[in-house]
Amino acid sequence: MEVIALWEEYIKLGQALKAAGLVESGVEAKIVIQNGEVMVNGETEFQRGKKLYDGDVVSFRGEEIRIVK
């Protein structure tokens, strides 16, 4: 599980995928999110700009990202 430490109050979903190295670009993040391939806290998420806060967990292609403060 990848852990992303927040510098601010939140990080956007597309940015988190890029920061974890699970996608190469914002365009790729947009595509996989719109295709329903990304889950946040167990629910499919379709918004690239979804704000992630401390404790959120992102799942994508068998990988998980935990957001921590």
PDB file of N, CA and C in Angstrom:
ATOM      1  N   MET A   1       0.846  -1.190   0.000  1.00  0.00           N
ATOM      2  CA  MET A   1       0.000   0.000   0.000  1.00  0.00           C
ATOM      3  C   MET A   1       0.883   1.241   0.000  1.00  0.00           C
ATOM      4  N   GLU A   2       0.606   2.114  -0.927  1.00  0.00           N
ATOM      5  CA  GLU A   2       1.298   3.406  -1.018  1.00  0.00           C
ATOM      6  C   GLU A   2       0.659   4.371  -0.026  1.00  0.00           C
ATOM      7  N   VAL A   3       1.478   5.174   0.630  1.00  0.00           N
ATOM      8  CA  VAL A   3       0.966   6.176   1.564  1.00  0.00           C
ATOM      9  C   VAL A   3       1.331   7.558   1.041  1.00  0.00           C
ATOM     10  N   ILE A   4       0.339   8.443   0.968  1.00  0.00           N
ATOM     11  CA  ILE A   4       0.586   9.822   0.561  1.00  0.00           C
ATOM     12  C   ILE A   4       0.287  10.720   1.748  1.00  0.00           C
ATOM     13  N   ALA A   5       1.296  11.457   2.170  1.00  0.00           N
ATOM     14  CA  ALA A   5       1.136  12.391   3.289  1.00  0.00           C
ATOM     15  C   ALA A   5       0.678  13.740   2.746  1.00  0.00           C
ATOM     16  N   LEU A   6      -0.366  14.265   3.323  1.00  0.00           N
ATOM     17  CA  LEU A   6      -0.914  15.548   2.891  1.00  0.00           C
ATOM     18  C   LEU A   6      -0.058  16.709   3.383  1.00  0.00           C
ATOM     19  N   TRP A   7       0.174  17.669   2.499  1.00  0.00           N
ATOM     20  CA  TRP A   7       0.842  18.923   2.874  1.00  0.00           C
ATOM     21  C   TRP A   7      -0.201  19.969   3.202  1.00  0.00           C
ATOM     22  N   GLU A   8      -1.368  19.808   2.585  1.00  0.00           N
ATOM     23  CA  GLU A   8      -2.471  20.732   2.795  1.00  0.00           C
ATOM     24  C   GLU A   8      -3.660  19.935   3.317  1.00  0.00           C
ATOM     25  N   GLU A   9      -4.841  20.507   3.298  1.00  0.00           N
ATOM     26  CA  GLU A   9      -6.022  19.853   3.848  1.00  0.00           C
ATOM     27  C   GLU A   9      -6.441  18.625   3.038  1.00  0.00           C
ATOM     28  N   TYR A  10      -6.219  18.670   1.704  1.00  0.00           N
ATOM     29  CA  TYR A  10      -6.655  17.576   0.836  1.00  0.00           C
ATOM     30  C   TYR A  10      -5.752  17.479  -0.382  1.00  0.00           C
ATOM     31  N   ILE A  11      -5.908  16.376  -1.139  1.00  0.00           N
ATOM     32  CA  ILE A  11      -5.286  16.217  -2.443  1.00  0.00           C
ATOM     33  C   ILE A  11      -6.371  15.717  -3.377  1.00  0.00           C
ATOM     34  N   LYS A  12      -6.325  16.131  -4.624  1.00  0.00           N
ATOM     35  CA  LYS A  12      -7.333  15.693  -5.583  1.00  0.00           C
ATOM     36  C   LYS A  12      -6.976  14.292  -6.092  1.00  0.00           C
ATOM     37  N   LEU A  13      -7.998  13.546  -6.469  1.00  0.00           N
ATOM     38  CA  LEU A  13      -7.836  12.158  -6.874  1.00  0.00           C
ATOM     39  C   LEU A  13      -6.826  11.990  -8.006  1.00  0.00           C
ATOM     40  N   GLY A  14      -6.940  12.788  -9.040  1.00  0.00           N
ATOM     41  CA  GLY A  14      -6.001  12.690 -10.170  1.00  0.00           C
ATOM     42  C   GLY A  14      -4.569  12.936  -9.733  1.00  0.00           C
ATOM     43  N   GLN A  15      -4.374  13.898  -8.842  1.00  0.00           N
ATOM     44  CA  GLN A  15      -3.034  14.211  -8.333  1.00  0.00           C
ATOM     45  C   GLN A  15      -2.493  13.057  -7.498  1.00  0.00           C
ATOM     46  N   ALA A  16      -3.367  12.423  -6.722  1.00  0.00           N
ATOM     47  CA  ALA A  16      -2.940  11.294  -5.890  1.00  0.00           C
ATOM     48  C   ALA A  16      -2.485  10.117  -6.749  1.00  0.00           C
ATOM     49  N   LEU A  17      -3.205   9.839  -7.818  1.00  0.00           N
ATOM     50  CA  LEU A  17      -2.808   8.749  -8.714  1.00  0.00           C
ATOM     51  C   LEU A  17      -1.450   9.029  -9.338  1.00  0.00           C
ATOM     52  N   LYS A  18      -1.217  10.273  -9.735  1.00  0.00           N
ATOM     53  CA  LYS A  18       0.076  10.643 -10.301  1.00  0.00           C
ATOM     54  C   LYS A  18       1.173  10.575  -9.250  1.00  0.00           C
ATOM     55  N   ALA A  19       0.912  11.090  -8.047  1.00  0.00           N
ATOM     56  CA  ALA A  19       1.916  11.106  -6.974  1.00  0.00           C
ATOM     57  C   ALA A  19       2.335   9.694  -6.591  1.00  0.00           C
ATOM     58  N   ALA A  20       1.409   8.747  -6.666  1.00  0.00           N
ATOM     59  CA  ALA A  20       1.707   7.352  -6.311  1.00  0.00           C
ATOM     60  C   ALA A  20       2.368   6.600  -7.466  1.00  0.00           C
ATOM     61  N   GLY A  21       2.449   7.246  -8.625  1.00  0.00           N
ATOM     62  CA  GLY A  21       3.076   6.612  -9.783  1.00  0.00           C
ATOM     63  C   GLY A  21       2.194   5.576 -10.472  1.00  0.00           C
ATOM     64  N   LEU A  22       0.888   5.628 -10.225  1.00  0.00           N
ATOM     65  CA  LEU A  22      -0.024   4.661 -10.830  1.00  0.00           C
ATOM     66  C   LEU A  22      -0.481   5.076 -12.220  1.00  0.00           C
ATOM     67  N   VAL A  23      -0.339   6.355 -12.545  1.00  0.00           N
ATOM     68  CA  VAL A  23      -0.597   6.858 -13.896  1.00  0.00           C
ATOM     69  C   VAL A  23       0.547   7.789 -14.262  1.00  0.00           C
ATOM     70  N   GLU A  24       0.726   7.988 -15.565  1.00  0.00           N
ATOM     71  CA  GLU A  24       1.835   8.814 -16.046  1.00  0.00           C
ATOM     72  C   GLU A  24       1.485  10.295 -16.147  1.00  0.00           C
ATOM     73  N   SER A  25       0.193  10.584 -16.347  1.00  0.00           N
ATOM     74  CA  SER A  25      -0.195  11.979 -16.588  1.00  0.00           C
ATOM     75  C   SER A  25      -1.601  12.245 -16.099  1.00  0.00           C
ATOM     76  N   GLY A  26      -1.950  13.516 -16.078  1.00  0.00           N
ATOM     77  CA  GLY A  26      -3.296  13.908 -15.724  1.00  0.00           C
ATOM     78  C   GLY A  26      -4.317  13.403 -16.728  1.00  0.00           C
ATOM     79  N   VAL A  27      -3.916  13.335 -17.988  1.00  0.00           N
ATOM     80  CA  VAL A  27      -4.812  12.836 -19.031  1.00  0.00           C
ATOM     81  C   VAL A  27      -5.117  11.363 -18.782  1.00  0.00           C
ATOM     82  N   GLU A  28      -4.090  10.583 -18.460  1.00  0.00           N
ATOM     83  CA  GLU A  28      -4.305   9.165 -18.167  1.00  0.00           C
ATOM     84  C   GLU A  28      -5.187   9.005 -16.928  1.00  0.00           C
ATOM     85  N   ALA A  29      -4.954   9.829 -15.910  1.00  0.00           N
ATOM     86  CA  ALA A  29      -5.776   9.786 -14.694  1.00  0.00           C
ATOM     87  C   ALA A  29      -7.236  10.050 -15.044  1.00  0.00           C
ATOM     88  N   LYS A  30      -7.470  11.061 -15.867  1.00  0.00           N
ATOM     89  CA  LYS A  30      -8.829  11.407 -16.269  1.00  0.00           C
ATOM     90  C   LYS A  30      -9.513  10.230 -16.955  1.00  0.00           C
ATOM     91  N   ILE A  31      -8.804   9.567 -17.834  1.00  0.00           N
ATOM     92  CA  ILE A  31      -9.380   8.452 -18.597  1.00  0.00           C
ATOM     93  C   ILE A  31      -9.740   7.287 -17.680  1.00  0.00           C
ATOM     94  N   VAL A  32      -8.813   6.869 -16.818  1.00  0.00           N
ATOM     95  CA  VAL A  32      -9.097   5.707 -15.966  1.00  0.00           C
ATOM     96  C   VAL A  32     -10.193   6.011 -14.954  1.00  0.00           C
ATOM     97  N   ILE A  33     -10.259   7.259 -14.489  1.00  0.00           N
ATOM     98  CA  ILE A  33     -11.326   7.645 -13.549  1.00  0.00           C
ATOM     99  C   ILE A  33     -12.672   7.643 -14.264  1.00  0.00           C
ATOM    100  N   GLN A  34     -12.727   8.246 -15.443  1.00  0.00           N
ATOM    101  CA  GLN A  34     -13.986   8.296 -16.197  1.00  0.00           C
ATOM    102  C   GLN A  34     -14.455   6.906 -16.632  1.00  0.00           C
ATOM    103  N   ASN A  35     -13.508   5.967 -16.797  1.00  0.00           N
ATOM    104  CA  ASN A  35     -13.846   4.598 -17.174  1.00  0.00           C
ATOM    105  C   ASN A  35     -14.308   3.770 -15.984  1.00  0.00           C
ATOM    106  N   GLY A  36     -14.338   4.354 -14.800  1.00  0.00           N
ATOM    107  CA  GLY A  36     -14.814   3.649 -13.619  1.00  0.00           C
ATOM    108  C   GLY A  36     -13.820   2.654 -13.038  1.00  0.00           C
ATOM    109  N   GLU A  37     -12.527   2.864 -13.304  1.00  0.00           N
ATOM    110  CA  GLU A  37     -11.501   1.939 -12.841  1.00  0.00           C
ATOM    111  C   GLU A  37     -10.963   2.273 -11.445  1.00  0.00           C
ATOM    112  N   VAL A  38     -11.377   3.405 -10.867  1.00  0.00           N
ATOM    113  CA  VAL A  38     -10.822   3.872  -9.595  1.00  0.00           C
ATOM    114  C   VAL A  38     -11.914   3.877  -8.527  1.00  0.00           C
ATOM    115  N   MET A  39     -11.555   3.363  -7.356  1.00  0.00           N
ATOM    116  CA  MET A  39     -12.493   3.356  -6.228  1.00  0.00           C
ATOM    117  C   MET A  39     -11.914   4.191  -5.090  1.00  0.00           C
ATOM    118  N   VAL A  40     -12.795   4.919  -4.400  1.00  0.00           N
ATOM    119  CA  VAL A  40     -12.418   5.681  -3.212  1.00  0.00           C
ATOM    120  C   VAL A  40     -13.278   5.170  -2.067  1.00  0.00           C
ATOM    121  N   ASN A  41     -12.616   4.674  -1.039  1.00  0.00           N
ATOM    122  CA  ASN A  41     -13.317   4.126   0.135  1.00  0.00           C
ATOM    123  C   ASN A  41     -14.363   3.083  -0.266  1.00  0.00           C
ATOM    124  N   GLY A  42     -14.003   2.237  -1.249  1.00  0.00           N
ATOM    125  CA  GLY A  42     -14.870   1.130  -1.643  1.00  0.00           C
ATOM    126  C   GLY A  42     -15.957   1.458  -2.641  1.00  0.00           C
ATOM    127  N   GLU A  43     -16.024   2.711  -3.100  1.00  0.00           N
ATOM    128  CA  GLU A  43     -17.047   3.105  -4.069  1.00  0.00           C
ATOM    129  C   GLU A  43     -16.388   3.660  -5.338  1.00  0.00           C
ATOM    130  N   THR A  44     -16.918   3.276  -6.491  1.00  0.00           N
ATOM    131  CA  THR A  44     -16.388   3.769  -7.758  1.00  0.00           C
ATOM    132  C   THR A  44     -16.536   5.277  -7.819  1.00  0.00           C
ATOM    133  N   GLU A  45     -15.443   5.940  -8.210  1.00  0.00           N
ATOM    134  CA  GLU A  45     -15.429   7.407  -8.280  1.00  0.00           C
ATOM    135  C   GLU A  45     -15.193   7.840  -9.719  1.00  0.00           C
ATOM    136  N   PHE A  46     -15.982   8.808 -10.193  1.00  0.00           N
ATOM    137  CA  PHE A  46     -15.876   9.284 -11.568  1.00  0.00           C
ATOM    138  C   PHE A  46     -15.382  10.724 -11.672  1.00  0.00           C
ATOM    139  N   GLN A  47     -15.069  11.371 -10.549  1.00  0.00           N
ATOM    140  CA  GLN A  47     -14.623  12.765 -10.565  1.00  0.00           C
ATOM    141  C   GLN A  47     -13.117  12.845 -10.334  1.00  0.00           C
ATOM    142  N   ARG A  48     -12.400  13.334 -11.322  1.00  0.00           N
ATOM    143  CA  ARG A  48     -10.948  13.479 -11.190  1.00  0.00           C
ATOM    144  C   ARG A  48     -10.599  14.469 -10.086  1.00  0.00           C
ATOM    145  N   GLY A  49     -11.467  15.460  -9.865  1.00  0.00           N
ATOM    146  CA  GLY A  49     -11.211  16.488  -8.870  1.00  0.00           C
ATOM    147  C   GLY A  49     -11.703  16.133  -7.472  1.00  0.00           C
ATOM    148  N   LYS A  50     -12.136  14.896  -7.264  1.00  0.00           N
ATOM    149  CA  LYS A  50     -12.610  14.467  -5.939  1.00  0.00           C
ATOM    150  C   LYS A  50     -11.534  14.763  -4.899  1.00  0.00           C
ATOM    151  N   LYS A  51     -11.920  15.443  -3.829  1.00  0.00           N
ATOM    152  CA  LYS A  51     -10.967  15.810  -2.782  1.00  0.00           C
ATOM    153  C   LYS A  51     -10.791  14.632  -1.822  1.00  0.00           C
ATOM    154  N   LEU A  52      -9.546  14.267  -1.584  1.00  0.00           N
ATOM    155  CA  LEU A  52      -9.216  13.169  -0.676  1.00  0.00           C
ATOM    156  C   LEU A  52      -8.634  13.747   0.602  1.00  0.00           C
ATOM    157  N   TYR A  53      -9.114  13.228   1.720  1.00  0.00           N
ATOM    158  CA  TYR A  53      -8.701  13.716   3.035  1.00  0.00           C
ATOM    159  C   TYR A  53      -8.042  12.600   3.835  1.00  0.00           C
ATOM    160  N   ASP A  54      -7.510  12.938   4.990  1.00  0.00           N
ATOM    161  CA  ASP A  54      -6.874  11.998   5.893  1.00  0.00           C
ATOM    162  C   ASP A  54      -7.784  10.783   6.117  1.00  0.00           C
ATOM    163  N   GLY A  55      -7.242   9.597   5.899  1.00  0.00           N
ATOM    164  CA  GLY A  55      -7.989   8.361   6.120  1.00  0.00           C
ATOM    165  C   GLY A  55      -8.623   7.767   4.879  1.00  0.00           C
ATOM    166  N   ASP A  56      -8.704   8.532   3.781  1.00  0.00           N
ATOM    167  CA  ASP A  56      -9.282   7.993   2.550  1.00  0.00           C
ATOM    168  C   ASP A  56      -8.362   6.932   1.947  1.00  0.00           C
ATOM    169  N   VAL A  57      -8.975   5.941   1.285  1.00  0.00           N
ATOM    170  CA  VAL A  57      -8.220   4.878   0.619  1.00  0.00           C
ATOM    171  C   VAL A  57      -8.673   4.804  -0.833  1.00  0.00           C
ATOM    172  N   VAL A  58      -7.702   4.854  -1.747  1.00  0.00           N
ATOM    173  CA  VAL A  58      -7.960   4.776  -3.179  1.00  0.00           C
ATOM    174  C   VAL A  58      -7.500   3.407  -3.670  1.00  0.00           C
ATOM    175  N   SER A  59      -8.328   2.732  -4.478  1.00  0.00           N
ATOM    176  CA  SER A  59      -7.980   1.442  -5.062  1.00  0.00           C
ATOM    177  C   SER A  59      -7.973   1.576  -6.579  1.00  0.00           C
ATOM    178  N   PHE A  60      -6.918   1.023  -7.208  1.00  0.00           N
ATOM    179  CA  PHE A  60      -6.788   1.095  -8.662  1.00  0.00           C
ATOM    180  C   PHE A  60      -5.905  -0.043  -9.145  1.00  0.00           C
ATOM    181  N   ARG A  61      -6.479  -0.913  -9.978  1.00  0.00           N
ATOM    182  CA  ARG A  61      -5.738  -2.036 -10.574  1.00  0.00           C
ATOM    183  C   ARG A  61      -4.954  -2.851  -9.537  1.00  0.00           C
ATOM    184  N   GLY A  62      -5.605  -3.183  -8.444  1.00  0.00           N
ATOM    185  CA  GLY A  62      -4.980  -4.013  -7.420  1.00  0.00           C
ATOM    186  C   GLY A  62      -4.047  -3.285  -6.474  1.00  0.00           C
ATOM    187  N   GLU A  63      -3.862  -1.998  -6.672  1.00  0.00           N
ATOM    188  CA  GLU A  63      -3.005  -1.188  -5.805  1.00  0.00           C
ATOM    189  C   GLU A  63      -3.874  -0.309  -4.918  1.00  0.00           C
ATOM    190  N   GLU A  64      -3.373   0.007  -3.734  1.00  0.00           N
ATOM    191  CA  GLU A  64      -4.092   0.913  -2.827  1.00  0.00           C
ATOM    192  C   GLU A  64      -3.212   2.068  -2.415  1.00  0.00           C
ATOM    193  N   ILE A  65      -3.856   3.215  -2.257  1.00  0.00           N
ATOM    194  CA  ILE A  65      -3.192   4.428  -1.762  1.00  0.00           C
ATOM    195  C   ILE A  65      -3.943   4.861  -0.513  1.00  0.00           C
ATOM    196  N   ARG A  66      -3.218   5.063   0.594  1.00  0.00           N
ATOM    197  CA  ARG A  66      -3.841   5.595   1.805  1.00  0.00           C
ATOM    198  C   ARG A  66      -3.394   7.044   1.969  1.00  0.00           C
ATOM    199  N   ILE A  67      -4.362   7.910   2.238  1.00  0.00           N
ATOM    200  CA  ILE A  67      -4.089   9.328   2.443  1.00  0.00           C
ATOM    201  C   ILE A  67      -3.939   9.570   3.946  1.00  0.00           C
ATOM    202  N   VAL A  68      -2.831  10.181   4.347  1.00  0.00           N
ATOM    203  CA  VAL A  68      -2.592  10.471   5.762  1.00  0.00           C
ATOM    204  C   VAL A  68      -2.211  11.937   5.927  1.00  0.00           C
ATOM    205  N   LYS A  69      -2.516  12.475   7.093  1.00  0.00           N
ATOM    206  CA  LYS A  69      -2.183  13.889   7.387  1.00  0.00           C
ATOM    207  C   LYS A  69      -0.804  13.960   7.979  1.00  0.00           C
TER     208      LYS A  69
END
